[in-house]
Amino acid sequence: MDLMINAIADIGNKIIVDKMKNIKSVHYVFSSPWVIPQSKTVKMDYDNEIEIKDSVILNIINAERKNLTEKFRKDEMNKEYEFDIAFIEENIFDVKLNGYSVSDYRGKRAKSLEVSFATTMSSYKILKKIDSIVKEILGIKKVYYHSALLLRYTALRELIDNRDEYISLHIHGELTDIVAVKRNLSSHLASFPIGRTTISRELSQAMKSTMKTSDSSISMYEDAKLEKSEEQKVLKSLLSIVESWKSQFMKTLNDMNDNKFIPRAVYLSTHNHFKLFKNALESEHFEVIAFDDTFLDNSVVFEGSLEKNSLIGIYAFALNGVV
């Protein structure tokens, strides 16, 4: 927590130094564990046709908020956050009337209503602490909160037009994000706390080497540049570590897909060790697709000497559609 707060303060001060004083608002993009995103599809059947209004949709979302809050508070691990829950984001993906998707539901009548949406929870105390620092440094009053998982899904809906069932998988340093999509709708969102840095660290501990050396060993293994003896030494520890990641990935998929629907196409992105994760997924018979980030060249401009970053580009692309 302290590291994150210090990093935010450093960034804010750098913005001031760079004289970027015309900023009117700030958008925070949170990943787990700072936010808990949940996607849901709720179907309501009525005895008689009703008029579909914003209030009808809002009542459904509020009921789900209440269910999520109660579920969250029942978990013993969340006792300290019992009165600290803030809902920071709602995103309606699709509304169906009598089984048909509609772009404008207001004023229409139906006996069957289906709403696909996502909502995101966070800690009010954490948000307040971050806001106080940013507002003090930048003097900004307008702030908006977003889930990294939801922004990624929002962008992918626009960018992937040849599939409507797939998994979006992004591997961070200490975290893996999963979005399972069915019928072009987000059916499930999940994260688990193992990433590429986690694997490098565990390998360095197993081989009694530095993180830099273990990371280099993984890269050389991927490129088949290790001598046979060194390759066997690396493999002895690395394969069991990757197997743990894969097991957690499969467990997460099975847990979040209660109907056992698991798409077989995986759009995989990670800053390094792509081949390592690709091989692990292919061993489970997934079709692994490298996410094509060439869209960034025409859609997102990186200022000055900033290095092109596909993940930041995806967030910017998604925000451009929701701001």
C-alpha atoms as a PDB file:
ATOM      1  CA  MET A   1       0.000   0.000   0.000  1.00  0.00           C
ATOM      2  CA  ASP A   2       2.730   2.499   0.986  1.00  0.00           C
ATOM      3  CA  LEU A   3       4.684   1.714  -2.205  1.00  0.00           C
ATOM      4  CA  MET A   4       1.618   2.449  -4.327  1.00  0.00           C
ATOM      5  CA  ILE A   5       0.914   5.732  -2.516  1.00  0.00           C
ATOM      6  CA  ASN A   6       4.544   6.843  -2.907  1.00  0.00           C
ATOM      7  CA  ALA A   7       4.505   5.958  -6.609  1.00  0.00           C
ATOM      8  CA  ILE A   8       1.325   8.000  -7.140  1.00  0.00           C
ATOM      9  CA  ALA A   9       2.890  10.987  -5.365  1.00  0.00           C
ATOM     10  CA  ASP A  10       6.039  10.693  -7.506  1.00  0.00           C
ATOM     11  CA  ILE A  11       3.993  10.616 -10.714  1.00  0.00           C
ATOM     12  CA  GLY A  12       1.917  13.600  -9.608  1.00  0.00           C
ATOM     13  CA  ASN A  13       5.036  15.629  -8.848  1.00  0.00           C
ATOM     14  CA  LYS A  14       6.559  14.709 -12.211  1.00  0.00           C
ATOM     15  CA  ILE A  15       3.431  15.948 -13.972  1.00  0.00           C
ATOM     16  CA  ILE A  16       3.850  19.285 -12.198  1.00  0.00           C
ATOM     17  CA  VAL A  17       7.530  19.455 -13.187  1.00  0.00           C
ATOM     18  CA  ASP A  18       6.585  18.760 -16.799  1.00  0.00           C
ATOM     19  CA  LYS A  19       4.135  21.697 -16.568  1.00  0.00           C
ATOM     20  CA  MET A  20       1.154  19.599 -17.581  1.00  0.00           C
ATOM     21  CA  LYS A  21      -1.236  21.913 -15.735  1.00  0.00           C
ATOM     22  CA  ASN A  22      -4.157  21.747 -18.146  1.00  0.00           C
ATOM     23  CA  ILE A  23      -5.331  18.352 -16.856  1.00  0.00           C
ATOM     24  CA  LYS A  24      -9.019  18.588 -15.965  1.00  0.00           C
ATOM     25  CA  SER A  25      -9.652  15.055 -14.666  1.00  0.00           C
ATOM     26  CA  VAL A  26      -7.890  11.884 -13.548  1.00  0.00           C
ATOM     27  CA  HIS A  27      -8.852   8.313 -14.395  1.00  0.00           C
ATOM     28  CA  TYR A  28      -7.595   5.603 -12.045  1.00  0.00           C
ATOM     29  CA  VAL A  29      -7.191   2.101 -13.479  1.00  0.00           C
ATOM     30  CA  PHE A  30      -7.068  -0.522 -10.721  1.00  0.00           C
ATOM     31  CA  SER A  31      -6.104  -4.169 -10.862  1.00  0.00           C
ATOM     32  CA  SER A  32      -6.575  -6.833  -8.205  1.00  0.00           C
ATOM     33  CA  PRO A  33      -6.253  -6.735  -5.235  1.00  0.00           C
ATOM     34  CA  TRP A  34      -7.270  -3.065  -5.216  1.00  0.00           C
ATOM     35  CA  VAL A  35     -10.590  -3.810  -6.913  1.00  0.00           C
ATOM     36  CA  ILE A  36     -12.987  -6.743  -7.163  1.00  0.00           C
ATOM     37  CA  PRO A  37     -14.818  -6.774 -10.512  1.00  0.00           C
ATOM     38  CA  GLN A  38     -17.832  -9.038 -11.009  1.00  0.00           C
ATOM     39  CA  SER A  39     -19.767  -9.714 -14.195  1.00  0.00           C
ATOM     40  CA  LYS A  40     -23.319 -11.000 -14.186  1.00  0.00           C
ATOM     41  CA  THR A  41     -26.219 -11.809 -16.483  1.00  0.00           C
ATOM     42  CA  VAL A  42     -29.647 -11.538 -14.847  1.00  0.00           C
ATOM     43  CA  LYS A  43     -32.839 -12.704 -16.549  1.00  0.00           C
ATOM     44  CA  MET A  44     -36.265 -11.584 -15.363  1.00  0.00           C
ATOM     45  CA  ASP A  45     -39.556 -13.104 -16.587  1.00  0.00           C
ATOM     46  CA  TYR A  46     -42.828 -11.260 -15.984  1.00  0.00           C
ATOM     47  CA  ASP A  47     -46.434 -12.485 -16.101  1.00  0.00           C
ATOM     48  CA  ASN A  48     -47.411  -9.476 -18.199  1.00  0.00           C
ATOM     49  CA  GLU A  49     -45.517  -7.062 -20.399  1.00  0.00           C
ATOM     50  CA  ILE A  50     -43.878  -4.209 -18.519  1.00  0.00           C
ATOM     51  CA  GLU A  51     -42.392  -0.948 -19.709  1.00  0.00           C
ATOM     52  CA  ILE A  52     -38.606  -1.067 -19.548  1.00  0.00           C
ATOM     53  CA  LYS A  53     -37.208   2.050 -17.905  1.00  0.00           C
ATOM     54  CA  ASP A  54     -33.855   3.049 -16.463  1.00  0.00           C
ATOM     55  CA  SER A  55     -35.316   2.419 -13.001  1.00  0.00           C
ATOM     56  CA  VAL A  56     -36.036  -1.227 -13.884  1.00  0.00           C
ATOM     57  CA  ILE A  57     -32.421  -1.780 -14.967  1.00  0.00           C
ATOM     58  CA  LEU A  58     -31.123   0.122 -11.924  1.00  0.00           C
ATOM     59  CA  ASN A  59     -33.201  -2.032  -9.558  1.00  0.00           C
ATOM     60  CA  ILE A  60     -31.600  -5.170 -11.022  1.00  0.00           C
ATOM     61  CA  ILE A  61     -28.083  -3.745 -10.631  1.00  0.00           C
ATOM     62  CA  ASN A  62     -28.798  -2.546  -7.072  1.00  0.00           C
ATOM     63  CA  ALA A  63     -30.106  -5.995  -6.114  1.00  0.00           C
ATOM     64  CA  GLU A  64     -26.886  -7.536  -7.419  1.00  0.00           C
ATOM     65  CA  ARG A  65     -24.861  -4.940  -5.508  1.00  0.00           C
ATOM     66  CA  LYS A  66     -26.627  -6.040  -2.334  1.00  0.00           C
ATOM     67  CA  ASN A  67     -25.933  -9.715  -3.073  1.00  0.00           C
ATOM     68  CA  LEU A  68     -22.263  -8.988  -3.715  1.00  0.00           C
ATOM     69  CA  THR A  69     -21.966  -6.959  -0.523  1.00  0.00           C
ATOM     70  CA  GLU A  70     -23.522  -9.715   1.579  1.00  0.00           C
ATOM     71  CA  LYS A  71     -21.339 -12.352  -0.039  1.00  0.00           C
ATOM     72  CA  PHE A  72     -18.235 -10.230   0.495  1.00  0.00           C
ATOM     73  CA  ARG A  73     -19.011  -9.610   4.164  1.00  0.00           C
ATOM     74  CA  LYS A  74     -19.667 -13.285   4.890  1.00  0.00           C
ATOM     75  CA  ASP A  75     -16.050 -14.046   4.039  1.00  0.00           C
ATOM     76  CA  GLU A  76     -14.075 -14.033   7.299  1.00  0.00           C
ATOM     77  CA  MET A  77     -11.068 -12.563   5.474  1.00  0.00           C
ATOM     78  CA  ASN A  78     -13.053  -9.401   4.704  1.00  0.00           C
ATOM     79  CA  LYS A  79     -14.206  -8.579   8.248  1.00  0.00           C
ATOM     80  CA  GLU A  80     -11.976  -5.508   8.483  1.00  0.00           C
ATOM     81  CA  TYR A  81     -13.595  -4.075   5.328  1.00  0.00           C
ATOM     82  CA  GLU A  82     -17.167  -4.679   6.513  1.00  0.00           C
ATOM     83  CA  PHE A  83     -18.143  -1.000   6.333  1.00  0.00           C
ATOM     84  CA  ASP A  84     -15.533   0.083   3.804  1.00  0.00           C
ATOM     85  CA  ILE A  85     -17.023  -1.102   0.514  1.00  0.00           C
ATOM     86  CA  ALA A  86     -17.309   1.376  -2.356  1.00  0.00           C
ATOM     87  CA  PHE A  87     -18.915   0.550  -5.699  1.00  0.00           C
ATOM     88  CA  ILE A  88     -16.870   2.482  -8.209  1.00  0.00           C
ATOM     89  CA  GLU A  89     -18.057   1.320 -11.613  1.00  0.00           C
ATOM     90  CA  GLU A  90     -20.969  -0.190 -13.503  1.00  0.00           C
ATOM     91  CA  ASN A  91     -20.862  -1.230 -17.104  1.00  0.00           C
ATOM     92  CA  ILE A  92     -23.917  -2.542 -18.972  1.00  0.00           C
ATOM     93  CA  PHE A  93     -22.799  -4.782 -21.833  1.00  0.00           C
ATOM     94  CA  ASP A  94     -26.109  -5.940 -23.275  1.00  0.00           C
ATOM     95  CA  VAL A  95     -29.876  -5.699 -22.762  1.00  0.00           C
ATOM     96  CA  LYS A  96     -32.210  -8.279 -24.272  1.00  0.00           C
ATOM     97  CA  LEU A  97     -35.977  -7.889 -24.541  1.00  0.00           C
ATOM     98  CA  ASN A  98     -37.885 -11.101 -25.231  1.00  0.00           C
ATOM     99  CA  GLY A  99     -34.577 -12.742 -26.173  1.00  0.00           C
ATOM    100  CA  TYR A 100     -33.354 -10.056 -28.608  1.00  0.00           C
ATOM    101  CA  SER A 101     -30.548  -7.581 -27.985  1.00  0.00           C
ATOM    102  CA  VAL A 102     -31.592  -3.941 -28.239  1.00  0.00           C
ATOM    103  CA  SER A 103     -29.491  -0.801 -28.421  1.00  0.00           C
ATOM    104  CA  ASP A 104     -32.190   1.340 -26.797  1.00  0.00           C
ATOM    105  CA  TYR A 105     -34.511  -0.328 -24.295  1.00  0.00           C
ATOM    106  CA  ARG A 106     -36.177   2.790 -22.891  1.00  0.00           C
ATOM    107  CA  GLY A 107     -39.942   2.886 -23.349  1.00  0.00           C
ATOM    108  CA  LYS A 108     -40.155  -0.562 -24.920  1.00  0.00           C
ATOM    109  CA  ARG A 109     -42.374  -3.281 -23.459  1.00  0.00           C
ATOM    110  CA  ALA A 110     -41.406  -6.899 -22.813  1.00  0.00           C
ATOM    111  CA  LYS A 111     -42.279  -9.999 -20.791  1.00  0.00           C
ATOM    112  CA  SER A 112     -38.647 -11.113 -20.633  1.00  0.00           C
ATOM    113  CA  LEU A 113     -35.697  -8.923 -19.698  1.00  0.00           C
ATOM    114  CA  GLU A 114     -32.038 -10.006 -19.668  1.00  0.00           C
ATOM    115  CA  VAL A 115     -29.279  -7.641 -18.512  1.00  0.00           C
ATOM    116  CA  SER A 116     -25.553  -8.381 -18.810  1.00  0.00           C
ATOM    117  CA  PHE A 117     -23.422  -6.035 -16.749  1.00  0.00           C
ATOM    118  CA  ALA A 118     -20.381  -5.731 -14.532  1.00  0.00           C
ATOM    119  CA  THR A 119     -19.842  -3.913 -11.275  1.00  0.00           C
ATOM    120  CA  THR A 120     -16.642  -3.164  -9.395  1.00  0.00           C
ATOM    121  CA  MET A 121     -15.990  -2.897  -5.645  1.00  0.00           C
ATOM    122  CA  SER A 122     -13.058  -1.259  -3.916  1.00  0.00           C
ATOM    123  CA  SER A 123     -12.026   0.082  -0.518  1.00  0.00           C
ATOM    124  CA  TYR A 124     -13.396   3.526   0.298  1.00  0.00           C
ATOM    125  CA  LYS A 125     -10.440   4.235   2.619  1.00  0.00           C
ATOM    126  CA  ILE A 126      -7.887   3.450  -0.085  1.00  0.00           C
ATOM    127  CA  LEU A 127      -9.692   5.551  -2.688  1.00  0.00           C
ATOM    128  CA  LYS A 128      -9.940   8.480  -0.285  1.00  0.00           C
ATOM    129  CA  LYS A 129      -6.212   8.303   0.508  1.00  0.00           C
ATOM    130  CA  ILE A 130      -5.250   8.241  -3.179  1.00  0.00           C
ATOM    131  CA  ASP A 131      -7.647  11.075  -4.005  1.00  0.00           C
ATOM    132  CA  SER A 132      -6.295  13.305  -1.237  1.00  0.00           C
ATOM    133  CA  ILE A 133      -2.734  12.978  -2.576  1.00  0.00           C
ATOM    134  CA  VAL A 134      -3.602  13.534  -6.243  1.00  0.00           C
ATOM    135  CA  LYS A 135      -5.953  16.436  -5.553  1.00  0.00           C
ATOM    136  CA  GLU A 136      -3.374  18.113  -3.318  1.00  0.00           C
ATOM    137  CA  ILE A 137      -0.636  17.868  -5.945  1.00  0.00           C
ATOM    138  CA  LEU A 138      -2.642  18.524  -9.103  1.00  0.00           C
ATOM    139  CA  GLY A 139      -5.623  20.472  -7.755  1.00  0.00           C
ATOM    140  CA  ILE A 140      -8.044  18.261  -9.706  1.00  0.00           C
ATOM    141  CA  LYS A 141     -11.630  17.711  -8.564  1.00  0.00           C
ATOM    142  CA  LYS A 142     -12.925  15.306 -11.186  1.00  0.00           C
ATOM    143  CA  VAL A 143     -11.794  11.717 -10.660  1.00  0.00           C
ATOM    144  CA  TYR A 144     -13.051   8.484 -12.191  1.00  0.00           C
ATOM    145  CA  TYR A 145     -12.377   4.877 -11.232  1.00  0.00           C
ATOM    146  CA  HIS A 146     -12.032   1.880 -13.546  1.00  0.00           C
ATOM    147  CA  SER A 147     -11.238  -1.797 -13.352  1.00  0.00           C
ATOM    148  CA  ALA A 148      -8.304  -2.875 -15.527  1.00  0.00           C
ATOM    149  CA  LEU A 149     -10.153  -6.095 -16.366  1.00  0.00           C
ATOM    150  CA  LEU A 150     -13.263  -4.252 -17.553  1.00  0.00           C
ATOM    151  CA  LEU A 151     -11.282  -1.757 -19.626  1.00  0.00           C
ATOM    152  CA  ARG A 152      -9.441  -4.606 -21.315  1.00  0.00           C
ATOM    153  CA  TYR A 153     -12.709  -6.331 -22.110  1.00  0.00           C
ATOM    154  CA  THR A 154     -14.226  -3.066 -23.412  1.00  0.00           C
ATOM    155  CA  ALA A 155     -11.301  -2.634 -25.809  1.00  0.00           C
ATOM    156  CA  LEU A 156     -11.323  -6.252 -26.945  1.00  0.00           C
ATOM    157  CA  ARG A 157     -15.012  -6.041 -27.864  1.00  0.00           C
ATOM    158  CA  GLU A 158     -14.047  -3.401 -30.411  1.00  0.00           C
ATOM    159  CA  LEU A 159     -10.800  -4.979 -31.560  1.00  0.00           C
ATOM    160  CA  ILE A 160     -11.708  -8.659 -31.911  1.00  0.00           C
ATOM    161  CA  ASP A 161     -14.365  -9.002 -34.583  1.00  0.00           C
ATOM    162  CA  ASN A 162     -13.827 -12.564 -35.808  1.00  0.00           C
ATOM    163  CA  ARG A 163     -14.677 -14.418 -32.574  1.00  0.00           C
ATOM    164  CA  ASP A 164     -17.418 -14.190 -29.982  1.00  0.00           C
ATOM    165  CA  GLU A 165     -16.074 -16.821 -27.566  1.00  0.00           C
ATOM    166  CA  TYR A 166     -12.555 -16.500 -26.180  1.00  0.00           C
ATOM    167  CA  ILE A 167     -10.399 -15.916 -23.116  1.00  0.00           C
ATOM    168  CA  SER A 168      -8.390 -12.736 -22.664  1.00  0.00           C
ATOM    169  CA  LEU A 169      -5.349 -13.522 -20.552  1.00  0.00           C
ATOM    170  CA  HIS A 170      -2.859 -10.904 -19.395  1.00  0.00           C
ATOM    171  CA  ILE A 171       0.054 -11.883 -17.186  1.00  0.00           C
ATOM    172  CA  HIS A 172       1.347  -9.088 -14.959  1.00  0.00           C
ATOM    173  CA  GLY A 173       4.400  -9.280 -12.730  1.00  0.00           C
ATOM    174  CA  GLU A 174       2.633 -10.797  -9.708  1.00  0.00           C
ATOM    175  CA  LEU A 175      -0.852 -11.344 -11.110  1.00  0.00           C
ATOM    176  CA  THR A 176      -2.750 -13.065 -13.909  1.00  0.00           C
ATOM    177  CA  ASP A 177      -5.963 -11.465 -15.216  1.00  0.00           C
ATOM    178  CA  ILE A 178      -8.632 -13.556 -16.943  1.00  0.00           C
ATOM    179  CA  VAL A 179     -11.695 -12.454 -18.916  1.00  0.00           C
ATOM    180  CA  ALA A 180     -13.876 -15.262 -20.276  1.00  0.00           C
ATOM    181  CA  VAL A 181     -16.141 -14.140 -23.116  1.00  0.00           C
ATOM    182  CA  LYS A 182     -19.195 -15.995 -24.416  1.00  0.00           C
ATOM    183  CA  ARG A 183     -21.477 -14.712 -27.190  1.00  0.00           C
ATOM    184  CA  ASN A 184     -19.287 -11.581 -27.239  1.00  0.00           C
ATOM    185  CA  LEU A 185     -20.298 -10.848 -23.631  1.00  0.00           C
ATOM    186  CA  SER A 186     -18.095 -10.964 -20.577  1.00  0.00           C
ATOM    187  CA  SER A 187     -19.292 -14.092 -18.814  1.00  0.00           C
ATOM    188  CA  HIS A 188     -16.659 -14.107 -16.057  1.00  0.00           C
ATOM    189  CA  LEU A 189     -13.809 -11.978 -14.693  1.00  0.00           C
ATOM    190  CA  ALA A 190     -11.108 -13.286 -12.383  1.00  0.00           C
ATOM    191  CA  SER A 191      -7.509 -12.847 -11.208  1.00  0.00           C
ATOM    192  CA  PHE A 192      -5.062 -14.977  -9.283  1.00  0.00           C
ATOM    193  CA  PRO A 193      -1.798 -13.913  -7.593  1.00  0.00           C
ATOM    194  CA  ILE A 194       0.841 -15.563  -9.774  1.00  0.00           C
ATOM    195  CA  GLY A 195       2.616 -13.766 -12.602  1.00  0.00           C
ATOM    196  CA  ARG A 196       5.828 -13.779 -14.590  1.00  0.00           C
ATOM    197  CA  THR A 197       7.822 -12.096 -11.778  1.00  0.00           C
ATOM    198  CA  THR A 198       6.460 -14.651  -9.314  1.00  0.00           C
ATOM    199  CA  ILE A 199       7.807 -17.432 -11.519  1.00  0.00           C
ATOM    200  CA  SER A 200      11.206 -15.768 -11.922  1.00  0.00           C
ATOM    201  CA  ARG A 201      11.478 -15.244  -8.177  1.00  0.00           C
ATOM    202  CA  GLU A 202      10.566 -18.855  -7.373  1.00  0.00           C
ATOM    203  CA  LEU A 203      13.106 -20.076  -9.929  1.00  0.00           C
ATOM    204  CA  SER A 204      15.814 -17.856  -8.422  1.00  0.00           C
ATOM    205  CA  GLN A 205      15.063 -19.321  -4.993  1.00  0.00           C
ATOM    206  CA  ALA A 206      15.108 -22.876  -6.301  1.00  0.00           C
ATOM    207  CA  MET A 207      18.390 -22.352  -8.185  1.00  0.00           C
ATOM    208  CA  LYS A 208      19.895 -20.052  -5.547  1.00  0.00           C
ATOM    209  CA  SER A 209      20.520 -17.362  -8.137  1.00  0.00           C
ATOM    210  CA  THR A 210      19.579 -13.702  -8.568  1.00  0.00           C
ATOM    211  CA  MET A 211      16.259 -12.642 -10.083  1.00  0.00           C
ATOM    212  CA  LYS A 212      18.112 -11.216 -13.064  1.00  0.00           C
ATOM    213  CA  THR A 213      19.892 -14.521 -13.678  1.00  0.00           C
ATOM    214  CA  SER A 214      16.714 -16.597 -13.378  1.00  0.00           C
ATOM    215  CA  ASP A 215      14.847 -14.241 -15.714  1.00  0.00           C
ATOM    216  CA  SER A 216      17.672 -14.525 -18.232  1.00  0.00           C
ATOM    217  CA  SER A 217      17.651 -18.325 -17.882  1.00  0.00           C
ATOM    218  CA  ILE A 218      13.943 -18.430 -18.740  1.00  0.00           C
ATOM    219  CA  SER A 219      14.504 -16.277 -21.825  1.00  0.00           C
ATOM    220  CA  MET A 220      17.427 -18.428 -22.986  1.00  0.00           C
ATOM    221  CA  TYR A 221      15.374 -21.580 -22.401  1.00  0.00           C
ATOM    222  CA  GLU A 222      12.548 -20.157 -24.533  1.00  0.00           C
ATOM    223  CA  ASP A 223      15.020 -19.411 -27.331  1.00  0.00           C
ATOM    224  CA  ALA A 224      16.747 -22.830 -27.004  1.00  0.00           C
ATOM    225  CA  LYS A 225      20.091 -21.161 -26.207  1.00  0.00           C
ATOM    226  CA  LEU A 226      20.973 -23.060 -23.046  1.00  0.00           C
ATOM    227  CA  GLU A 227      23.584 -25.783 -23.037  1.00  0.00           C
ATOM    228  CA  LYS A 228      22.124 -29.223 -22.441  1.00  0.00           C
ATOM    229  CA  SER A 229      23.354 -29.534 -18.867  1.00  0.00           C
ATOM    230  CA  GLU A 230      22.148 -26.049 -17.943  1.00  0.00           C
ATOM    231  CA  GLU A 231      18.823 -26.642 -19.680  1.00  0.00           C
ATOM    232  CA  GLN A 232      18.191 -29.758 -17.602  1.00  0.00           C
ATOM    233  CA  LYS A 233      19.071 -27.857 -14.451  1.00  0.00           C
ATOM    234  CA  VAL A 234      16.638 -25.034 -15.295  1.00  0.00           C
ATOM    235  CA  LEU A 235      13.891 -27.409 -16.410  1.00  0.00           C
ATOM    236  CA  LYS A 236      14.023 -29.401 -13.185  1.00  0.00           C
ATOM    237  CA  SER A 237      12.759 -26.406 -11.229  1.00  0.00           C
ATOM    238  CA  LEU A 238      11.015 -24.342 -13.904  1.00  0.00           C
ATOM    239  CA  LEU A 239       8.530 -26.934 -15.119  1.00  0.00           C
ATOM    240  CA  SER A 240       7.101 -27.582 -11.664  1.00  0.00           C
ATOM    241  CA  ILE A 241       6.772 -23.812 -11.073  1.00  0.00           C
ATOM    242  CA  VAL A 242       4.975 -23.294 -14.379  1.00  0.00           C
ATOM    243  CA  GLU A 243       2.803 -26.311 -13.613  1.00  0.00           C
ATOM    244  CA  SER A 244       1.654 -24.533 -10.441  1.00  0.00           C
ATOM    245  CA  TRP A 245       0.703 -21.475 -12.515  1.00  0.00           C
ATOM    246  CA  LYS A 246      -1.153 -23.657 -15.025  1.00  0.00           C
ATOM    247  CA  SER A 247      -2.987 -25.535 -12.266  1.00  0.00           C
ATOM    248  CA  GLN A 248      -4.127 -22.254 -10.729  1.00  0.00           C
ATOM    249  CA  PHE A 249      -5.232 -21.014 -14.141  1.00  0.00           C
ATOM    250  CA  MET A 250      -7.315 -24.140 -14.787  1.00  0.00           C
ATOM    251  CA  LYS A 251      -8.758 -24.056 -11.259  1.00  0.00           C
ATOM    252  CA  THR A 252      -9.759 -20.417 -11.688  1.00  0.00           C
ATOM    253  CA  LEU A 253     -11.435 -21.191 -15.015  1.00  0.00           C
ATOM    254  CA  ASN A 254     -13.355 -24.108 -13.571  1.00  0.00           C
ATOM    255  CA  ASP A 255     -14.395 -22.154 -10.475  1.00  0.00           C
ATOM    256  CA  MET A 256     -15.684 -19.167 -12.407  1.00  0.00           C
ATOM    257  CA  ASN A 257     -17.439 -21.197 -15.086  1.00  0.00           C
ATOM    258  CA  ASP A 258     -20.178 -22.930 -13.156  1.00  0.00           C
ATOM    259  CA  ASN A 259     -21.691 -24.223 -16.384  1.00  0.00           C
ATOM    260  CA  LYS A 260     -18.301 -25.677 -17.362  1.00  0.00           C
ATOM    261  CA  PHE A 261     -18.141 -23.473 -20.459  1.00  0.00           C
ATOM    262  CA  ILE A 262     -14.490 -22.802 -21.198  1.00  0.00           C
ATOM    263  CA  PRO A 263     -13.548 -21.123 -24.512  1.00  0.00           C
ATOM    264  CA  ARG A 264     -10.554 -22.736 -26.169  1.00  0.00           C
ATOM    265  CA  ALA A 265      -9.148 -19.621 -27.881  1.00  0.00           C
ATOM    266  CA  VAL A 266      -6.837 -17.579 -25.629  1.00  0.00           C
ATOM    267  CA  TYR A 267      -5.635 -14.077 -26.483  1.00  0.00           C
ATOM    268  CA  LEU A 268      -2.412 -14.003 -24.498  1.00  0.00           C
ATOM    269  CA  SER A 269      -0.386 -10.928 -23.616  1.00  0.00           C
ATOM    270  CA  THR A 270       2.588 -10.567 -21.312  1.00  0.00           C
ATOM    271  CA  HIS A 271       5.611  -8.278 -21.287  1.00  0.00           C
ATOM    272  CA  ASN A 272       8.007 -11.217 -21.499  1.00  0.00           C
ATOM    273  CA  HIS A 273       8.193 -15.018 -21.460  1.00  0.00           C
ATOM    274  CA  PHE A 274       5.348 -15.345 -23.963  1.00  0.00           C
ATOM    275  CA  LYS A 275       6.619 -18.713 -25.234  1.00  0.00           C
ATOM    276  CA  LEU A 276       6.737 -20.151 -21.727  1.00  0.00           C
ATOM    277  CA  PHE A 277       3.071 -19.448 -21.066  1.00  0.00           C
ATOM    278  CA  LYS A 278       2.065 -20.324 -24.614  1.00  0.00           C
ATOM    279  CA  ASN A 279       3.580 -23.795 -24.276  1.00  0.00           C
ATOM    280  CA  ALA A 280       1.873 -24.307 -20.910  1.00  0.00           C
ATOM    281  CA  LEU A 281      -1.523 -23.376 -22.366  1.00  0.00           C
ATOM    282  CA  GLU A 282      -1.068 -25.460 -25.502  1.00  0.00           C
ATOM    283  CA  SER A 283      -0.370 -28.484 -23.323  1.00  0.00           C
ATOM    284  CA  GLU A 284      -3.999 -28.063 -22.159  1.00  0.00           C
ATOM    285  CA  HIS A 285      -5.163 -27.894 -25.799  1.00  0.00           C
ATOM    286  CA  PHE A 286      -5.858 -24.164 -25.922  1.00  0.00           C
ATOM    287  CA  GLU A 287      -5.406 -22.217 -29.145  1.00  0.00           C
ATOM    288  CA  VAL A 288      -3.026 -19.433 -28.126  1.00  0.00           C
ATOM    289  CA  ILE A 289      -3.162 -16.164 -30.058  1.00  0.00           C
ATOM    290  CA  ALA A 290      -0.708 -13.310 -29.624  1.00  0.00           C
ATOM    291  CA  PHE A 291      -2.696 -10.124 -29.185  1.00  0.00           C
ATOM    292  CA  ASP A 292      -2.035  -7.846 -32.159  1.00  0.00           C
ATOM    293  CA  ASP A 293      -1.300  -4.373 -30.824  1.00  0.00           C
ATOM    294  CA  THR A 294      -0.652  -2.711 -34.194  1.00  0.00           C
ATOM    295  CA  PHE A 295      -3.971  -0.885 -33.714  1.00  0.00           C
ATOM    296  CA  LEU A 296      -2.076   1.356 -31.303  1.00  0.00           C
ATOM    297  CA  ASP A 297      -0.161   2.916 -34.184  1.00  0.00           C
ATOM    298  CA  ASN A 298      -3.320   4.629 -35.461  1.00  0.00           C
ATOM    299  CA  SER A 299      -5.398   4.873 -32.279  1.00  0.00           C
ATOM    300  CA  VAL A 300      -3.076   5.924 -29.447  1.00  0.00           C
ATOM    301  CA  VAL A 301      -0.268   8.489 -29.408  1.00  0.00           C
ATOM    302  CA  PHE A 302       2.512   8.171 -26.820  1.00  0.00           C
ATOM    303  CA  GLU A 303       3.973  11.547 -25.926  1.00  0.00           C
ATOM    304  CA  GLY A 304       7.605  12.387 -26.531  1.00  0.00           C
ATOM    305  CA  SER A 305      10.057   9.617 -25.765  1.00  0.00           C
ATOM    306  CA  LEU A 306       7.562   7.357 -23.980  1.00  0.00           C
ATOM    307  CA  GLU A 307       7.909   3.735 -25.010  1.00  0.00           C
ATOM    308  CA  LYS A 308       4.888   2.168 -26.695  1.00  0.00           C
ATOM    309  CA  ASN A 309       3.120  -0.003 -24.145  1.00  0.00           C
ATOM    310  CA  SER A 310       0.312  -2.253 -25.386  1.00  0.00           C
ATOM    311  CA  LEU A 311      -1.405  -2.529 -21.993  1.00  0.00           C
ATOM    312  CA  ILE A 312      -1.517   1.235 -21.446  1.00  0.00           C
ATOM    313  CA  GLY A 313      -2.604   1.582 -25.060  1.00  0.00           C
ATOM    314  CA  ILE A 314      -5.536  -0.776 -24.487  1.00  0.00           C
ATOM    315  CA  TYR A 315      -6.627   1.216 -21.428  1.00  0.00           C
ATOM    316  CA  ALA A 316      -6.396   4.485 -23.385  1.00  0.00           C
ATOM    317  CA  PHE A 317      -8.322   2.977 -26.302  1.00  0.00           C
ATOM    318  CA  ALA A 318     -11.096   1.768 -23.975  1.00  0.00           C
ATOM    319  CA  LEU A 319     -11.256   5.052 -22.045  1.00  0.00           C
ATOM    320  CA  ASN A 320     -11.668   6.974 -25.283  1.00  0.00           C
ATOM    321  CA  GLY A 321     -14.942   5.099 -25.766  1.00  0.00           C
ATOM    322  CA  VAL A 322     -16.302   5.613 -22.259  1.00  0.00           C
ATOM    323  CA  VAL A 323     -15.155   9.118 -21.322  1.00  0.00           C
END
